[in-house]
PDB file of all heavy atoms in Angstrom:
ATOM      1  N   GLU A   1      -9.777 -15.622  -4.323  1.00  0.00           N
ATOM      2  CA  GLU A   1     -10.443 -15.039  -5.491  1.00  0.00           C
ATOM      3  C   GLU A   1     -10.115 -13.554  -5.580  1.00  0.00           C
ATOM      4  O   GLU A   1     -10.246 -12.813  -4.598  1.00  0.00           O
ATOM      5  CB  GLU A   1     -11.955 -15.227  -5.383  1.00  0.00           C
ATOM      6  CG  GLU A   1     -12.717 -14.726  -6.597  1.00  0.00           C
ATOM      7  CD  GLU A   1     -14.203 -14.978  -6.475  1.00  0.00           C
ATOM      8  OE1 GLU A   1     -14.624 -15.714  -5.558  1.00  0.00           O
ATOM      9  OE2 GLU A   1     -14.952 -14.412  -7.288  1.00  0.00           O
ATOM     10  N   LEU A   2      -9.688 -13.110  -6.749  1.00  0.00           N
ATOM     11  CA  LEU A   2      -9.327 -11.711  -6.939  1.00  0.00           C
ATOM     12  C   LEU A   2     -10.569 -10.822  -6.932  1.00  0.00           C
ATOM     13  O   LEU A   2     -11.525 -11.070  -7.656  1.00  0.00           O
ATOM     14  CB  LEU A   2      -8.582 -11.535  -8.268  1.00  0.00           C
ATOM     15  CG  LEU A   2      -8.154 -10.094  -8.586  1.00  0.00           C
ATOM     16  CD1 LEU A   2      -6.984  -9.674  -7.711  1.00  0.00           C
ATOM     17  CD2 LEU A   2      -7.808  -9.949 -10.063  1.00  0.00           C
ATOM     18  N   LEU A   3     -10.534  -9.793  -6.096  1.00  0.00           N
ATOM     19  CA  LEU A   3     -11.627  -8.828  -6.031  1.00  0.00           C
ATOM     20  C   LEU A   3     -11.264  -7.519  -6.721  1.00  0.00           C
ATOM     21  O   LEU A   3     -12.122  -6.847  -7.281  1.00  0.00           O
ATOM     22  CB  LEU A   3     -11.998  -8.536  -4.573  1.00  0.00           C
ATOM     23  CG  LEU A   3     -12.398  -9.720  -3.705  1.00  0.00           C
ATOM     24  CD1 LEU A   3     -12.658  -9.269  -2.281  1.00  0.00           C
ATOM     25  CD2 LEU A   3     -13.625 -10.419  -4.268  1.00  0.00           C
ATOM     26  N   GLY A   4      -9.970  -7.171  -6.653  1.00  0.00           N
ATOM     27  CA  GLY A   4      -9.535  -5.908  -7.255  1.00  0.00           C
ATOM     28  C   GLY A   4      -8.105  -5.589  -6.873  1.00  0.00           C
ATOM     29  O   GLY A   4      -7.327  -6.470  -6.503  1.00  0.00           O
ATOM     30  N   VAL A   5      -7.767  -4.311  -6.938  1.00  0.00           N
ATOM     31  CA  VAL A   5      -6.401  -3.847  -6.675  1.00  0.00           C
ATOM     32  C   VAL A   5      -6.474  -2.502  -5.960  1.00  0.00           C
ATOM     33  O   VAL A   5      -7.366  -1.694  -6.247  1.00  0.00           O
ATOM     34  CB  VAL A   5      -5.611  -3.684  -7.993  1.00  0.00           C
ATOM     35  CG1 VAL A   5      -4.233  -3.062  -7.732  1.00  0.00           C
ATOM     36  CG2 VAL A   5      -5.455  -5.022  -8.702  1.00  0.00           C
ATOM     37  N   ILE A   6      -5.534  -2.272  -5.045  1.00  0.00           N
ATOM     38  CA  ILE A   6      -5.451  -0.973  -4.395  1.00  0.00           C
ATOM     39  C   ILE A   6      -4.086  -0.357  -4.695  1.00  0.00           C
ATOM     40  O   ILE A   6      -3.050  -1.031  -4.582  1.00  0.00           O
ATOM     41  CB  ILE A   6      -5.713  -1.087  -2.876  1.00  0.00           C
ATOM     42  CG1 ILE A   6      -5.853   0.289  -2.251  1.00  0.00           C
ATOM     43  CG2 ILE A   6      -4.667  -1.927  -2.168  1.00  0.00           C
ATOM     44  CD1 ILE A   6      -6.499   0.251  -0.886  1.00  0.00           C
ATOM     45  N   ASN A   7      -4.091   0.905  -5.148  1.00  0.00           N
ATOM     46  CA  ASN A   7      -2.868   1.600  -5.561  1.00  0.00           C
ATOM     47  C   ASN A   7      -2.681   2.870  -4.745  1.00  0.00           C
ATOM     48  O   ASN A   7      -3.670   3.554  -4.433  1.00  0.00           O
ATOM     49  CB  ASN A   7      -2.941   2.007  -7.042  1.00  0.00           C
ATOM     50  CG  ASN A   7      -3.373   0.866  -7.936  1.00  0.00           C
ATOM     51  OD1 ASN A   7      -2.644  -0.083  -8.125  1.00  0.00           O
ATOM     52  ND2 ASN A   7      -4.583   0.972  -8.490  1.00  0.00           N
ATOM     53  N   VAL A   8      -1.428   3.211  -4.436  1.00  0.00           N
ATOM     54  CA  VAL A   8      -1.150   4.486  -3.777  1.00  0.00           C
ATOM     55  C   VAL A   8       0.085   5.138  -4.399  1.00  0.00           C
ATOM     56  O   VAL A   8       1.017   4.456  -4.831  1.00  0.00           O
ATOM     57  CB  VAL A   8      -0.947   4.337  -2.249  1.00  0.00           C
ATOM     58  CG1 VAL A   8      -2.233   3.953  -1.567  1.00  0.00           C
ATOM     59  CG2 VAL A   8       0.148   3.338  -1.927  1.00  0.00           C
ATOM     60  N   ASN A   9       0.054   6.480  -4.457  1.00  0.00           N
ATOM     61  CA  ASN A   9       1.158   7.290  -5.003  1.00  0.00           C
ATOM     62  C   ASN A   9       1.321   8.537  -4.140  1.00  0.00           C
ATOM     63  O   ASN A   9       0.457   8.857  -3.314  1.00  0.00           O
ATOM     64  CB  ASN A   9       0.847   7.757  -6.429  1.00  0.00           C
ATOM     65  CG  ASN A   9       0.473   6.619  -7.351  1.00  0.00           C
ATOM     66  OD1 ASN A   9       1.331   6.007  -7.950  1.00  0.00           O
ATOM     67  ND2 ASN A   9      -0.822   6.350  -7.467  1.00  0.00           N
ATOM     68  N   ASN A  10       2.400   9.252  -4.392  1.00  0.00           N
ATOM     69  CA  ASN A  10       2.607  10.581  -3.791  1.00  0.00           C
ATOM     70  C   ASN A  10       2.548  10.600  -2.263  1.00  0.00           C
ATOM     71  O   ASN A  10       1.543  11.023  -1.668  1.00  0.00           O
ATOM     72  CB  ASN A  10       1.584  11.576  -4.338  1.00  0.00           C
ATOM     73  CG  ASN A  10       2.023  12.175  -5.648  1.00  0.00           C
ATOM     74  OD1 ASN A  10       2.892  11.633  -6.333  1.00  0.00           O
ATOM     75  ND2 ASN A  10       1.430  13.298  -6.017  1.00  0.00           N
ATOM     76  N   LYS A  11       3.599  10.138  -1.627  1.00  0.00           N
ATOM     77  CA  LYS A  11       3.679  10.315  -0.184  1.00  0.00           C
ATOM     78  C   LYS A  11       3.736  11.817   0.105  1.00  0.00           C
ATOM     79  O   LYS A  11       4.399  12.579  -0.595  1.00  0.00           O
ATOM     80  CB  LYS A  11       4.929   9.634   0.373  1.00  0.00           C
ATOM     81  CG  LYS A  11       4.865   8.112   0.338  1.00  0.00           C
ATOM     82  CD  LYS A  11       6.028   7.466   1.067  1.00  0.00           C
ATOM     83  CE  LYS A  11       5.838   7.580   2.565  1.00  0.00           C
ATOM     84  NZ  LYS A  11       6.819   6.748   3.308  1.00  0.00           N
ATOM     85  N   ALA A  12       3.026  12.225   1.118  1.00  0.00           N
ATOM     86  CA  ALA A  12       2.988  13.651   1.452  1.00  0.00           C
ATOM     87  C   ALA A  12       4.386  14.191   1.750  1.00  0.00           C
ATOM     88  O   ALA A  12       4.676  15.371   1.511  1.00  0.00           O
ATOM     89  CB  ALA A  12       2.063  13.875   2.649  1.00  0.00           C
ATOM     90  N   SER A  13       5.251  13.317   2.234  1.00  0.00           N
ATOM     91  CA  SER A  13       6.635  13.706   2.544  1.00  0.00           C
ATOM     92  C   SER A  13       7.514  13.809   1.294  1.00  0.00           C
ATOM     93  O   SER A  13       8.669  14.231   1.374  1.00  0.00           O
ATOM     94  CB  SER A  13       7.249  12.677   3.495  1.00  0.00           C
ATOM     95  OG  SER A  13       7.331  11.406   2.855  1.00  0.00           O
ATOM     96  N   LYS A  14       6.953  13.392   0.154  1.00  0.00           N
ATOM     97  CA  LYS A  14       7.645  13.354  -1.139  1.00  0.00           C
ATOM     98  C   LYS A  14       8.781  12.328  -1.185  1.00  0.00           C
ATOM     99  O   LYS A  14       9.613  12.347  -2.099  1.00  0.00           O
ATOM    100  CB  LYS A  14       8.161  14.742  -1.531  1.00  0.00           C
ATOM    101  CG  LYS A  14       7.045  15.771  -1.663  1.00  0.00           C
ATOM    102  CD  LYS A  14       7.529  17.091  -2.226  1.00  0.00           C
ATOM    103  CE  LYS A  14       6.355  18.066  -2.375  1.00  0.00           C
ATOM    104  NZ  LYS A  14       6.778  19.366  -2.933  1.00  0.00           N
ATOM    105  N   GLU A  15       8.796  11.411  -0.219  1.00  0.00           N
ATOM    106  CA  GLU A  15       9.790  10.336  -0.192  1.00  0.00           C
ATOM    107  C   GLU A  15       9.317   9.181  -1.068  1.00  0.00           C
ATOM    108  O   GLU A  15       8.139   9.090  -1.429  1.00  0.00           O
ATOM    109  CB  GLU A  15       9.999   9.844   1.240  1.00  0.00           C
ATOM    110  CG  GLU A  15      10.535  10.909   2.182  1.00  0.00           C
ATOM    111  CD  GLU A  15      10.558  10.432   3.624  1.00  0.00           C
ATOM    112  OE1 GLU A  15       9.623   9.709   4.026  1.00  0.00           O
ATOM    113  OE2 GLU A  15      11.507  10.784   4.343  1.00  0.00           O
ATOM    114  N   THR A  16      10.238   8.290  -1.395  1.00  0.00           N
ATOM    115  CA  THR A  16       9.857   7.076  -2.129  1.00  0.00           C
ATOM    116  C   THR A  16       9.319   6.048  -1.134  1.00  0.00           C
ATOM    117  O   THR A  16       9.633   6.093   0.056  1.00  0.00           O
ATOM    118  CB  THR A  16      11.066   6.473  -2.874  1.00  0.00           C
ATOM    119  OG1 THR A  16      12.084   6.170  -1.927  1.00  0.00           O
ATOM    120  CG2 THR A  16      11.595   7.429  -3.927  1.00  0.00           C
ATOM    121  N   PHE A  17       8.506   5.131  -1.645  1.00  0.00           N
ATOM    122  CA  PHE A  17       7.955   4.081  -0.786  1.00  0.00           C
ATOM    123  C   PHE A  17       9.046   3.072  -0.427  1.00  0.00           C
ATOM    124  O   PHE A  17       9.930   2.772  -1.235  1.00  0.00           O
ATOM    125  CB  PHE A  17       6.806   3.360  -1.500  1.00  0.00           C
ATOM    126  CG  PHE A  17       5.574   4.210  -1.634  1.00  0.00           C
ATOM    127  CD1 PHE A  17       5.211   4.756  -2.860  1.00  0.00           C
ATOM    128  CD2 PHE A  17       4.774   4.478  -0.533  1.00  0.00           C
ATOM    129  CE1 PHE A  17       4.076   5.536  -2.985  1.00  0.00           C
ATOM    130  CE2 PHE A  17       3.633   5.262  -0.642  1.00  0.00           C
ATOM    131  CZ  PHE A  17       3.283   5.792  -1.877  1.00  0.00           C
ATOM    132  N   GLN A  18       8.934   2.521   0.791  1.00  0.00           N
ATOM    133  CA  GLN A  18       9.896   1.541   1.270  1.00  0.00           C
ATOM    134  C   GLN A  18       9.165   0.238   1.607  1.00  0.00           C
ATOM    135  O   GLN A  18       7.941   0.159   1.560  1.00  0.00           O
ATOM    136  CB  GLN A  18      10.628   2.083   2.510  1.00  0.00           C
ATOM    137  CG  GLN A  18      11.343   3.406   2.278  1.00  0.00           C
ATOM    138  CD  GLN A  18      12.439   3.321   1.218  1.00  0.00           C
ATOM    139  OE1 GLN A  18      13.147   2.308   1.128  1.00  0.00           O
ATOM    140  NE2 GLN A  18      12.577   4.380   0.404  1.00  0.00           N
ATOM    141  N   GLU A  19       9.938  -0.775   1.980  1.00  0.00           N
ATOM    142  CA  GLU A  19       9.370  -2.095   2.274  1.00  0.00           C
ATOM    143  C   GLU A  19       8.362  -2.027   3.414  1.00  0.00           C
ATOM    144  O   GLU A  19       7.355  -2.747   3.398  1.00  0.00           O
ATOM    145  CB  GLU A  19      10.483  -3.084   2.628  1.00  0.00           C
ATOM    146  CG  GLU A  19      11.344  -3.512   1.451  1.00  0.00           C
ATOM    147  CD  GLU A  19      10.576  -4.351   0.436  1.00  0.00           C
ATOM    148  OE1 GLU A  19       9.534  -4.951   0.819  1.00  0.00           O
ATOM    149  OE2 GLU A  19      10.996  -4.394  -0.727  1.00  0.00           O
ATOM    150  N   ASN A  20       8.628  -1.176   4.415  1.00  0.00           N
ATOM    151  CA  ASN A  20       7.674  -1.095   5.530  1.00  0.00           C
ATOM    152  C   ASN A  20       6.336  -0.518   5.083  1.00  0.00           C
ATOM    153  O   ASN A  20       5.268  -0.879   5.597  1.00  0.00           O
ATOM    154  CB  ASN A  20       8.252  -0.274   6.684  1.00  0.00           C
ATOM    155  CG  ASN A  20       8.448   1.175   6.321  1.00  0.00           C
ATOM    156  OD1 ASN A  20       9.064   1.485   5.304  1.00  0.00           O
ATOM    157  ND2 ASN A  20       7.940   2.070   7.161  1.00  0.00           N
ATOM    158  N   ASP A  21       6.364   0.370   4.079  1.00  0.00           N
ATOM    159  CA  ASP A  21       5.114   0.893   3.501  1.00  0.00           C
ATOM    160  C   ASP A  21       4.333  -0.222   2.814  1.00  0.00           C
ATOM    161  O   ASP A  21       3.102  -0.317   2.942  1.00  0.00           O
ATOM    162  CB  ASP A  21       5.410   1.999   2.483  1.00  0.00           C
ATOM    163  CG  ASP A  21       6.055   3.219   3.109  1.00  0.00           C
ATOM    164  OD1 ASP A  21       5.582   3.655   4.179  1.00  0.00           O
ATOM    165  OD2 ASP A  21       7.037   3.723   2.530  1.00  0.00           O
ATOM    166  N   LEU A  22       5.058  -1.063   2.088  1.00  0.00           N
ATOM    167  CA  LEU A  22       4.418  -2.181   1.400  1.00  0.00           C
ATOM    168  C   LEU A  22       3.815  -3.151   2.409  1.00  0.00           C
ATOM    169  O   LEU A  22       2.700  -3.657   2.203  1.00  0.00           O
ATOM    170  CB  LEU A  22       5.431  -2.906   0.510  1.00  0.00           C
ATOM    171  CG  LEU A  22       4.883  -4.088  -0.292  1.00  0.00           C
ATOM    172  CD1 LEU A  22       3.789  -3.627  -1.255  1.00  0.00           C
ATOM    173  CD2 LEU A  22       6.006  -4.795  -1.052  1.00  0.00           C
ATOM    174  N   ASP A  23       4.527  -3.406   3.505  1.00  0.00           N
ATOM    175  CA  ASP A  23       4.014  -4.310   4.545  1.00  0.00           C
ATOM    176  C   ASP A  23       2.708  -3.781   5.138  1.00  0.00           C
ATOM    177  O   ASP A  23       1.764  -4.544   5.366  1.00  0.00           O
ATOM    178  CB  ASP A  23       5.057  -4.488   5.655  1.00  0.00           C
ATOM    179  CG  ASP A  23       6.263  -5.290   5.204  1.00  0.00           C
ATOM    180  OD1 ASP A  23       6.142  -6.028   4.199  1.00  0.00           O
ATOM    181  OD2 ASP A  23       7.327  -5.181   5.849  1.00  0.00           O
ATOM    182  N   ILE A  24       2.661  -2.480   5.364  1.00  0.00           N
ATOM    183  CA  ILE A  24       1.441  -1.867   5.909  1.00  0.00           C
ATOM    184  C   ILE A  24       0.285  -2.002   4.924  1.00  0.00           C
ATOM    185  O   ILE A  24      -0.838  -2.359   5.295  1.00  0.00           O
ATOM    186  CB  ILE A  24       1.681  -0.375   6.246  1.00  0.00           C
ATOM    187  CG1 ILE A  24       2.639  -0.251   7.433  1.00  0.00           C
ATOM    188  CG2 ILE A  24       0.361   0.341   6.546  1.00  0.00           C
ATOM    189  CD1 ILE A  24       3.096   1.171   7.716  1.00  0.00           C
ATOM    190  N   LEU A  25       0.553  -1.725   3.631  1.00  0.00           N
ATOM    191  CA  LEU A  25      -0.512  -1.804   2.632  1.00  0.00           C
ATOM    192  C   LEU A  25      -0.995  -3.247   2.451  1.00  0.00           C
ATOM    193  O   LEU A  25      -2.188  -3.484   2.266  1.00  0.00           O
ATOM    194  CB  LEU A  25      -0.036  -1.236   1.292  1.00  0.00           C
ATOM    195  CG  LEU A  25      -1.112  -1.101   0.212  1.00  0.00           C
ATOM    196  CD1 LEU A  25      -2.282  -0.249   0.707  1.00  0.00           C
ATOM    197  CD2 LEU A  25      -0.543  -0.514  -1.077  1.00  0.00           C
ATOM    198  N   LYS A  26      -0.064  -4.207   2.500  1.00  0.00           N
ATOM    199  CA  LYS A  26      -0.473  -5.617   2.379  1.00  0.00           C
ATOM    200  C   LYS A  26      -1.366  -6.021   3.555  1.00  0.00           C
ATOM    201  O   LYS A  26      -2.366  -6.733   3.370  1.00  0.00           O
ATOM    202  CB  LYS A  26       0.761  -6.528   2.313  1.00  0.00           C
ATOM    203  CG  LYS A  26       1.477  -6.490   0.976  1.00  0.00           C
ATOM    204  CD  LYS A  26       2.470  -7.627   0.806  1.00  0.00           C
ATOM    205  CE  LYS A  26       3.618  -7.537   1.782  1.00  0.00           C
ATOM    206  NZ  LYS A  26       4.638  -8.594   1.545  1.00  0.00           N
ATOM    207  N   GLU A  27      -0.994  -5.572   4.758  1.00  0.00           N
ATOM    208  CA  GLU A  27      -1.814  -5.878   5.937  1.00  0.00           C
ATOM    209  C   GLU A  27      -3.192  -5.239   5.807  1.00  0.00           C
ATOM    210  O   GLU A  27      -4.219  -5.865   6.088  1.00  0.00           O
ATOM    211  CB  GLU A  27      -1.106  -5.381   7.199  1.00  0.00           C
ATOM    212  CG  GLU A  27      -1.864  -5.632   8.492  1.00  0.00           C
ATOM    213  CD  GLU A  27      -1.980  -7.103   8.847  1.00  0.00           C
ATOM    214  OE1 GLU A  27      -1.177  -7.918   8.356  1.00  0.00           O
ATOM    215  OE2 GLU A  27      -2.903  -7.444   9.621  1.00  0.00           O
ATOM    216  N   MET A  28      -3.219  -3.992   5.365  1.00  0.00           N
ATOM    217  CA  MET A  28      -4.489  -3.305   5.160  1.00  0.00           C
ATOM    218  C   MET A  28      -5.324  -4.002   4.098  1.00  0.00           C
ATOM    219  O   MET A  28      -6.540  -4.169   4.248  1.00  0.00           O
ATOM    220  CB  MET A  28      -4.240  -1.854   4.737  1.00  0.00           C
ATOM    221  CG  MET A  28      -3.903  -0.917   5.884  1.00  0.00           C
ATOM    222  SD  MET A  28      -5.300  -0.655   6.999  1.00  0.00           S
ATOM    223  CE  MET A  28      -6.384   0.328   5.984  1.00  0.00           C
ATOM    224  N   ALA A  29      -4.652  -4.429   3.020  1.00  0.00           N
ATOM    225  CA  ALA A  29      -5.355  -5.079   1.911  1.00  0.00           C
ATOM    226  C   ALA A  29      -6.058  -6.345   2.359  1.00  0.00           C
ATOM    227  O   ALA A  29      -7.155  -6.662   1.879  1.00  0.00           O
ATOM    228  CB  ALA A  29      -4.383  -5.385   0.774  1.00  0.00           C
ATOM    229  N   SER A  30      -5.457  -7.072   3.295  1.00  0.00           N
ATOM    230  CA  SER A  30      -6.087  -8.318   3.765  1.00  0.00           C
ATOM    231  C   SER A  30      -7.402  -8.021   4.491  1.00  0.00           C
ATOM    232  O   SER A  30      -8.403  -8.732   4.318  1.00  0.00           O
ATOM    233  CB  SER A  30      -5.131  -9.085   4.682  1.00  0.00           C
ATOM    234  OG  SER A  30      -4.907  -8.389   5.891  1.00  0.00           O
ATOM    235  N   HIS A  31      -7.414  -6.946   5.279  1.00  0.00           N
ATOM    236  CA  HIS A  31      -8.646  -6.565   5.993  1.00  0.00           C
ATOM    237  C   HIS A  31      -9.660  -5.934   5.048  1.00  0.00           C
ATOM    238  O   HIS A  31     -10.862  -6.205   5.154  1.00  0.00           O
ATOM    239  CB  HIS A  31      -8.304  -5.601   7.131  1.00  0.00           C
ATOM    240  CG  HIS A  31      -7.456  -6.197   8.200  1.00  0.00           C
ATOM    241  ND1 HIS A  31      -7.906  -7.184   9.055  1.00  0.00           N
ATOM    242  CD2 HIS A  31      -6.154  -5.972   8.529  1.00  0.00           C
ATOM    243  CE1 HIS A  31      -6.936  -7.525   9.887  1.00  0.00           C
ATOM    244  NE2 HIS A  31      -5.859  -6.814   9.587  1.00  0.00           N
ATOM    245  N   VAL A  32      -9.180  -5.113   4.134  1.00  0.00           N
ATOM    246  CA  VAL A  32     -10.064  -4.488   3.146  1.00  0.00           C
ATOM    247  C   VAL A  32     -10.715  -5.566   2.279  1.00  0.00           C
ATOM    248  O   VAL A  32     -11.918  -5.487   1.977  1.00  0.00           O
ATOM    249  CB  VAL A  32      -9.293  -3.476   2.272  1.00  0.00           C
ATOM    250  CG1 VAL A  32     -10.154  -3.004   1.099  1.00  0.00           C
ATOM    251  CG2 VAL A  32      -8.838  -2.286   3.110  1.00  0.00           C
TER     252      VAL A  32
END
């Protein structure tokens, strides 16, 4: 069941997001 969405922007390093960043956020999203 959908509860919501989590969004992130602006890495402090000013780099673009990579697949490993997405993997971390997906893992976090499951616990959140």
